[in-house]
Protein backbone atom coordinates (compact mmCIF):
# COMPACT_ATOMS: atom_id res chain seq x y z
CA MET A 1 -15.93 -0.21 -12.97
CA PRO A 2 -13.50 -2.42 -11.02
CA GLY A 3 -13.03 -3.07 -7.33
CA PRO A 4 -15.40 -3.75 -4.44
CA TRP A 5 -16.84 -0.22 -4.67
CA GLY A 6 -17.16 -0.08 -8.46
CA ALA A 7 -14.85 2.94 -8.61
CA VAL A 8 -11.22 3.87 -9.27
CA LEU A 9 -8.68 5.82 -7.25
CA TYR A 10 -5.90 7.71 -9.02
CA GLU A 11 -2.76 8.81 -7.20
CA THR A 12 -2.00 12.05 -9.00
CA VAL A 13 0.64 14.66 -9.66
CA THR A 14 -0.76 18.06 -10.63
CA THR A 15 1.53 20.58 -12.29
CA HIS A 16 0.77 24.28 -12.81
CA VAL A 17 3.01 26.29 -15.11
CA ARG A 18 2.42 30.03 -15.40
CA THR A 19 4.09 31.39 -18.52
CA ALA A 20 2.95 35.02 -18.36
CA PRO A 21 3.75 37.54 -17.10
CA ARG A 22 6.42 35.43 -15.37
CA ARG A 23 7.14 31.72 -15.19
CA ARG A 24 6.04 30.13 -11.90
CA PRO A 25 5.73 26.31 -11.94
CA PHE A 26 4.66 24.14 -9.02
CA HIS A 27 3.67 20.52 -8.36
CA HIS A 28 1.16 18.97 -6.02
CA ARG A 29 0.51 15.30 -5.14
CA GLY A 30 -2.84 13.85 -4.13
CA TYR A 31 -5.55 11.48 -5.28
CA LEU A 32 -8.82 11.57 -7.19
CA TRP A 33 -11.88 9.35 -7.54
CA LEU A 34 -13.48 8.13 -10.76
CA VAL A 35 -17.07 7.09 -10.01
CA ASP A 36 -20.27 6.17 -11.86
CA LEU A 37 -23.01 8.64 -10.90
CA ASP A 38 -25.54 5.79 -10.88
CA GLU A 39 -23.44 3.66 -8.53
CA LEU A 40 -21.67 5.96 -6.12
CA PRO A 41 -19.48 4.08 -3.62
CA VAL A 42 -21.13 3.17 -0.34
CA LEU A 43 -18.49 2.93 2.35
CA ALA A 44 -18.71 1.12 5.66
CA ARG A 45 -19.58 3.50 8.48
CA PRO A 46 -16.04 3.71 9.95
CA LEU A 47 -14.68 4.81 6.55
CA ARG A 48 -17.38 7.32 5.63
CA PRO A 49 -15.53 10.34 7.07
CA LEU A 50 -12.82 9.65 4.48
CA ALA A 51 -15.03 9.83 1.38
CA ARG A 52 -18.50 11.26 0.82
CA PHE A 53 -20.09 12.38 -2.46
CA LEU A 54 -22.63 15.04 -1.55
CA PRO A 55 -24.85 16.86 -4.08
CA ARG A 56 -24.14 20.23 -2.49
CA ASP A 57 -20.45 19.86 -3.32
CA HIS A 58 -21.20 19.67 -7.05
CA ALA A 59 -24.78 20.65 -7.94
CA LEU A 60 -25.24 24.10 -9.44
CA ALA A 61 -28.85 24.17 -8.31
CA ALA A 62 -29.16 25.84 -4.93
CA ALA A 63 -32.89 26.58 -5.12
CA ALA A 64 -35.70 24.05 -4.77
CA ASP A 65 -37.12 22.39 -7.86
CA PRO A 66 -39.91 24.22 -9.70
CA PRO A 67 -43.43 23.26 -8.57
CA ASP A 68 -44.05 21.15 -11.69
CA ASP A 69 -40.82 19.19 -11.15
CA PRO A 70 -40.90 15.96 -9.14
CA PRO A 71 -39.56 16.48 -5.61
CA ASP A 72 -35.83 15.83 -5.28
CA ASP A 73 -34.52 17.44 -2.12
CA PRO A 74 -31.63 17.77 -2.43
CA PRO A 75 -31.20 16.91 -6.11
CA THR A 76 -28.74 14.14 -6.85
CA ILE A 77 -25.55 15.02 -8.68
CA ARG A 78 -26.88 13.22 -11.75
CA HIS A 79 -30.24 15.00 -11.63
CA ASP A 80 -28.53 18.38 -11.44
CA LEU A 81 -26.25 17.49 -14.35
CA GLU A 82 -29.24 16.31 -16.40
CA ARG A 83 -30.95 19.67 -15.86
CA TYR A 84 -27.81 21.50 -16.93
CA LEU A 85 -27.46 19.41 -20.10
CA LEU A 86 -31.16 19.78 -20.92
CA GLY A 87 -30.67 23.54 -20.78
CA HIS A 88 -28.16 23.09 -23.61
CA GLY A 89 -30.44 20.84 -25.65
CA ILE A 90 -28.78 17.56 -24.64
CA ARG A 91 -30.86 14.68 -23.26
CA LEU A 92 -28.86 12.26 -21.17
CA GLY A 93 -31.65 9.70 -20.88
CA ARG A 94 -30.31 6.40 -19.61
CA GLY A 95 -26.76 7.24 -20.56
CA ARG A 96 -23.88 6.66 -18.21
CA VAL A 97 -21.88 9.43 -16.51
CA LEU A 98 -18.40 9.00 -15.07
CA MET A 99 -17.23 11.71 -12.66
CA LEU A 100 -13.61 12.47 -11.77
CA THR A 101 -13.42 14.42 -8.52
CA GLN A 102 -12.22 14.69 -4.96
CA ALA A 103 -14.61 13.30 -2.38
CA ARG A 104 -15.44 15.20 0.79
CA SER A 105 -12.91 13.94 3.34
CA LEU A 106 -12.63 14.78 7.02
CA GLY A 107 -15.35 17.40 6.63
CA HIS A 108 -13.82 19.32 3.73
CA VAL A 109 -13.67 19.28 -0.05
CA PHE A 110 -12.39 21.67 -2.68
CA ASN A 111 -12.39 20.68 -6.35
CA PRO A 112 -10.60 23.09 -8.67
CA LEU A 113 -11.87 20.88 -11.49
CA THR A 114 -14.45 18.10 -11.67
CA VAL A 115 -14.87 16.33 -15.01
CA TYR A 116 -17.98 14.47 -16.21
CA TRP A 117 -17.79 12.10 -19.18
CA CYS A 118 -21.33 11.60 -20.47
CA GLN A 119 -22.43 8.71 -22.71
CA ASP A 120 -25.70 8.02 -24.47
CA GLY A 121 -27.79 4.91 -23.89
CA GLU A 122 -25.64 2.96 -26.39
CA GLY A 123 -22.39 3.81 -24.63
CA ARG A 124 -21.25 6.37 -27.20
CA PRO A 125 -19.61 9.64 -26.07
CA LEU A 126 -22.24 12.36 -25.74
CA CYS A 127 -20.26 15.25 -24.27
CA THR A 128 -17.74 16.21 -21.60
CA VAL A 129 -18.46 18.72 -18.85
CA ALA A 130 -15.64 20.54 -17.04
CA GLU A 131 -16.86 21.99 -13.73
CA VAL A 132 -14.53 24.68 -12.38
CA HIS A 133 -14.65 25.85 -8.75
CA ASN A 134 -12.92 28.96 -7.48
CA THR A 135 -11.84 29.76 -3.94
CA TYR A 136 -14.61 32.39 -3.55
CA GLY A 137 -17.40 29.80 -3.42
CA GLY A 138 -18.37 30.00 -7.10
CA ARG A 139 -18.59 27.23 -9.67
CA HIS A 140 -19.11 27.15 -13.39
CA ARG A 141 -19.47 24.47 -16.07
CA TYR A 142 -17.96 24.35 -19.53
CA LEU A 143 -19.64 22.05 -22.06
CA LEU A 144 -17.32 20.33 -24.53
CA PRO A 145 -18.46 18.31 -27.57
CA PRO A 146 -17.47 14.65 -27.89
CA ASP A 147 -14.01 14.10 -29.33
CA PRO A 148 -12.01 10.85 -29.69
CA GLU A 149 -9.00 12.44 -27.97
CA GLY A 150 -11.00 14.48 -25.46
CA ARG A 151 -10.06 17.81 -27.00
CA GLY A 152 -12.21 20.92 -26.74
CA GLU A 153 -12.01 24.70 -26.64
CA CYS A 154 -14.12 27.31 -24.88
CA VAL A 155 -14.04 30.98 -24.00
CA LYS A 156 -13.02 31.68 -20.42
CA ASP A 157 -16.02 33.40 -18.83
CA PHE A 158 -15.60 32.61 -15.14
CA TYR A 159 -13.35 34.33 -12.59
CA VAL A 160 -10.77 31.92 -11.20
CA SER A 161 -7.50 33.62 -10.38
CA PRO A 162 -6.97 37.20 -9.17
CA PHE A 163 -3.90 37.34 -11.39
CA PHE A 164 -5.83 36.81 -14.64
CA PRO A 165 -8.84 38.81 -15.89
CA VAL A 166 -11.88 37.02 -17.29
CA ASP A 167 -10.69 36.78 -20.87
CA GLY A 168 -8.89 34.39 -23.19
CA ARG A 169 -9.67 30.81 -24.17
CA TYR A 170 -9.21 27.41 -22.58
CA ARG A 171 -7.87 24.55 -24.68
CA MET A 172 -8.65 21.35 -22.81
CA VAL A 173 -7.51 17.79 -23.41
CA LEU A 174 -9.71 15.60 -21.20
CA PRO A 175 -9.74 12.01 -22.53
CA GLU A 176 -11.76 9.50 -20.54
CA PRO A 177 -9.25 7.85 -18.19
CA GLY A 178 -8.37 4.18 -18.01
CA ASP A 179 -5.29 2.71 -16.37
CA ARG A 180 -3.71 6.14 -16.78
CA LEU A 181 -5.09 9.60 -16.15
CA ARG A 182 -3.78 12.37 -18.42
CA LEU A 183 -5.57 15.73 -18.35
CA THR A 184 -4.30 19.06 -19.68
CA VAL A 185 -5.80 22.56 -19.55
CA HIS A 186 -4.18 25.47 -21.42
CA LEU A 187 -5.22 29.09 -20.93
CA GLU A 188 -4.40 31.32 -23.90
CA ARG A 189 -4.63 35.10 -23.85
CA ARG A 190 -4.25 37.23 -26.97
CA GLY A 191 -3.18 34.12 -28.85
CA GLU A 192 -0.28 33.38 -26.49
CA PRO A 193 0.00 30.66 -23.79
CA ALA A 194 -0.46 32.11 -20.31
CA PHE A 195 -1.04 29.11 -18.05
CA THR A 196 -1.00 25.31 -18.29
CA ALA A 197 -2.23 22.75 -15.79
CA THR A 198 -1.71 19.01 -16.12
CA VAL A 199 -2.89 16.07 -14.05
CA ARG A 200 -1.23 12.67 -14.34
CA GLY A 201 -2.24 9.60 -12.39
CA THR A 202 -2.20 5.82 -12.14
CA ALA A 203 -5.38 3.82 -11.50
CA ARG A 204 -6.08 1.53 -8.58
CA PRO A 205 -9.44 -0.24 -7.99
CA ALA A 206 -11.16 1.53 -5.10
CA GLY A 207 -11.70 -0.46 -1.93
CA PRO A 208 -10.98 -0.18 1.80
CA ALA A 209 -7.29 -1.08 1.50
CA ALA A 210 -6.70 1.22 -1.48
CA LEU A 211 -8.45 4.13 0.24
CA LEU A 212 -6.49 3.73 3.45
CA ARG A 213 -3.28 3.58 1.44
CA VAL A 214 -3.87 6.87 -0.38
CA VAL A 215 -5.17 8.59 2.76
CA LEU A 216 -2.02 7.62 4.65
CA ALA A 217 0.16 8.68 1.71
CA HIS A 218 -1.69 12.01 1.32
CA PRO A 219 -3.26 12.90 4.69
CA PHE A 220 -5.71 15.81 4.74
CA ALA A 221 -5.50 15.89 0.92
CA THR A 222 -8.58 18.07 0.41
CA TRP A 223 -7.37 20.61 2.98
CA ALA A 224 -3.90 20.54 1.42
CA VAL A 225 -5.28 21.58 -2.00
CA SER A 226 -6.99 24.67 -0.57
CA LEU A 227 -3.98 25.66 1.52
CA HIS A 228 -1.52 25.10 -1.30
CA ILE A 229 -3.53 27.27 -3.70
CA ARG A 230 -3.66 30.12 -1.20
CA TYR A 231 0.01 29.76 -0.30
CA ARG A 232 1.01 29.97 -3.96
CA GLY A 233 -1.27 32.94 -4.51
CA ILE A 234 0.17 34.86 -1.59
CA ARG A 235 3.69 34.22 -2.87
CA LEU A 236 2.75 35.58 -6.30
CA TRP A 237 1.14 38.63 -4.70
CA LEU A 238 4.22 39.28 -2.54
CA SER A 239 6.40 39.00 -5.65
CA GLY A 240 4.56 42.00 -7.09
CA LEU A 241 2.20 40.33 -9.56
CA PRO A 242 -0.75 42.72 -10.10
CA VAL A 243 -4.17 41.64 -8.83
CA GLN A 244 -7.27 41.83 -11.04
CA PRO A 245 -10.46 43.03 -9.27
CA LEU A 246 -13.13 40.47 -8.50
CA PRO A 247 -16.12 41.10 -10.83
CA ALA A 248 -19.23 42.27 -9.01
CA ALA A 249 -21.31 39.33 -10.28
CA THR A 250 -18.82 36.85 -8.88
CA ALA A 251 -18.57 38.72 -5.61
CA THR A 252 -22.29 38.74 -4.95
CA CYS A 253 -23.70 35.68 -6.68
CA PRO A 254 -23.48 32.26 -4.99
CA ALA A 255 -23.23 29.00 -6.89
CA THR A 256 -26.67 28.55 -8.42
CA ALA A 257 -28.35 26.70 -11.26
CA ALA A 258 -27.62 29.53 -13.70
CA ALA A 259 -24.51 29.41 -15.83
CA SER A 260 -24.02 33.08 -15.02
CA CYS A 261 -25.80 35.44 -12.69
CA PRO A 262 -26.82 39.08 -12.94
CA ALA A 263 -24.44 41.63 -11.57
CA GLY A 264 -25.19 42.87 -8.09
CA PRO A 265 -23.89 45.82 -6.15
CA SER A 266 -20.13 46.02 -5.83
CA ARG A 267 -18.48 45.44 -2.48
CA SER A 268 -16.75 48.33 -0.83
CA ASP A 269 -13.48 46.41 -1.22
CA ASP A 270 -13.44 44.18 -4.28
CA ARG A 271 -9.81 43.16 -3.97
CA PRO A 272 -9.77 39.35 -3.74
CA VAL A 273 -7.66 37.29 -1.40
CA PRO A 274 -4.72 36.14 -3.55
CA THR A 275 -5.02 32.56 -4.78
CA GLU A 276 -3.41 30.71 -7.65
CA GLU A 277 -5.20 29.95 -10.94
CA VAL A 278 -7.00 26.64 -10.34
CA PRO A 279 -8.51 25.09 -13.49
CA ALA A 280 -7.20 21.65 -12.54
CA PRO A 281 -7.30 19.41 -9.46
């Protein structure tokens, strides 16, 4: 990884295109980090408020390790990912993991999508993990097999947008980035395209000057993502787009180590606050 921090910054343009039931495109500019989980950037103290990579912002595990597990409080992002992969029969071992994400900045972070590219000890692609966060505090991971072009498909089984039920399939194109970042996520329902998100970006070695440049170009970027999603959702709601109820399991279960959680009692009002579909940064 290049630069003084061994990481990459991408200035990005994210595009969302809703194709059903009505076409509603929008664009958002920002920046993302590509980091090695074994060598997370260590910033000088004055710059730390601008970028922090905290386990609680990514790890699915909210509970303490089992008694027979070595103490790791809190677990590192890599440790939590290793436990997730082991649950699917994949041993990461000494393999490398690259993570594309937003860092916590100015006390806030919201990642609609974090992507992990996992390699085995010989540097060969092992798998790709797409970690989706929704605006209700939940997160969910989709495991994709290795593919030379980063392509994979999976059933949508996590509530993201109040304007789409939990059904359909994601078709993802998530190639490991280099000088260029090109990610695409398609949501298909009943065999027809319903939503597409793309992320395009240009790489810049991460360092103090590069970070200050993107922060000045995109101030309060992490806050802007959250506000933009809610603003778009409210506009869709005001336009008359019907809202799908929030499933009881999503409403009552926090982000935990489990891929899914048992349903709990329904809330008295399960109508979600309108937000836009967010399967991409």
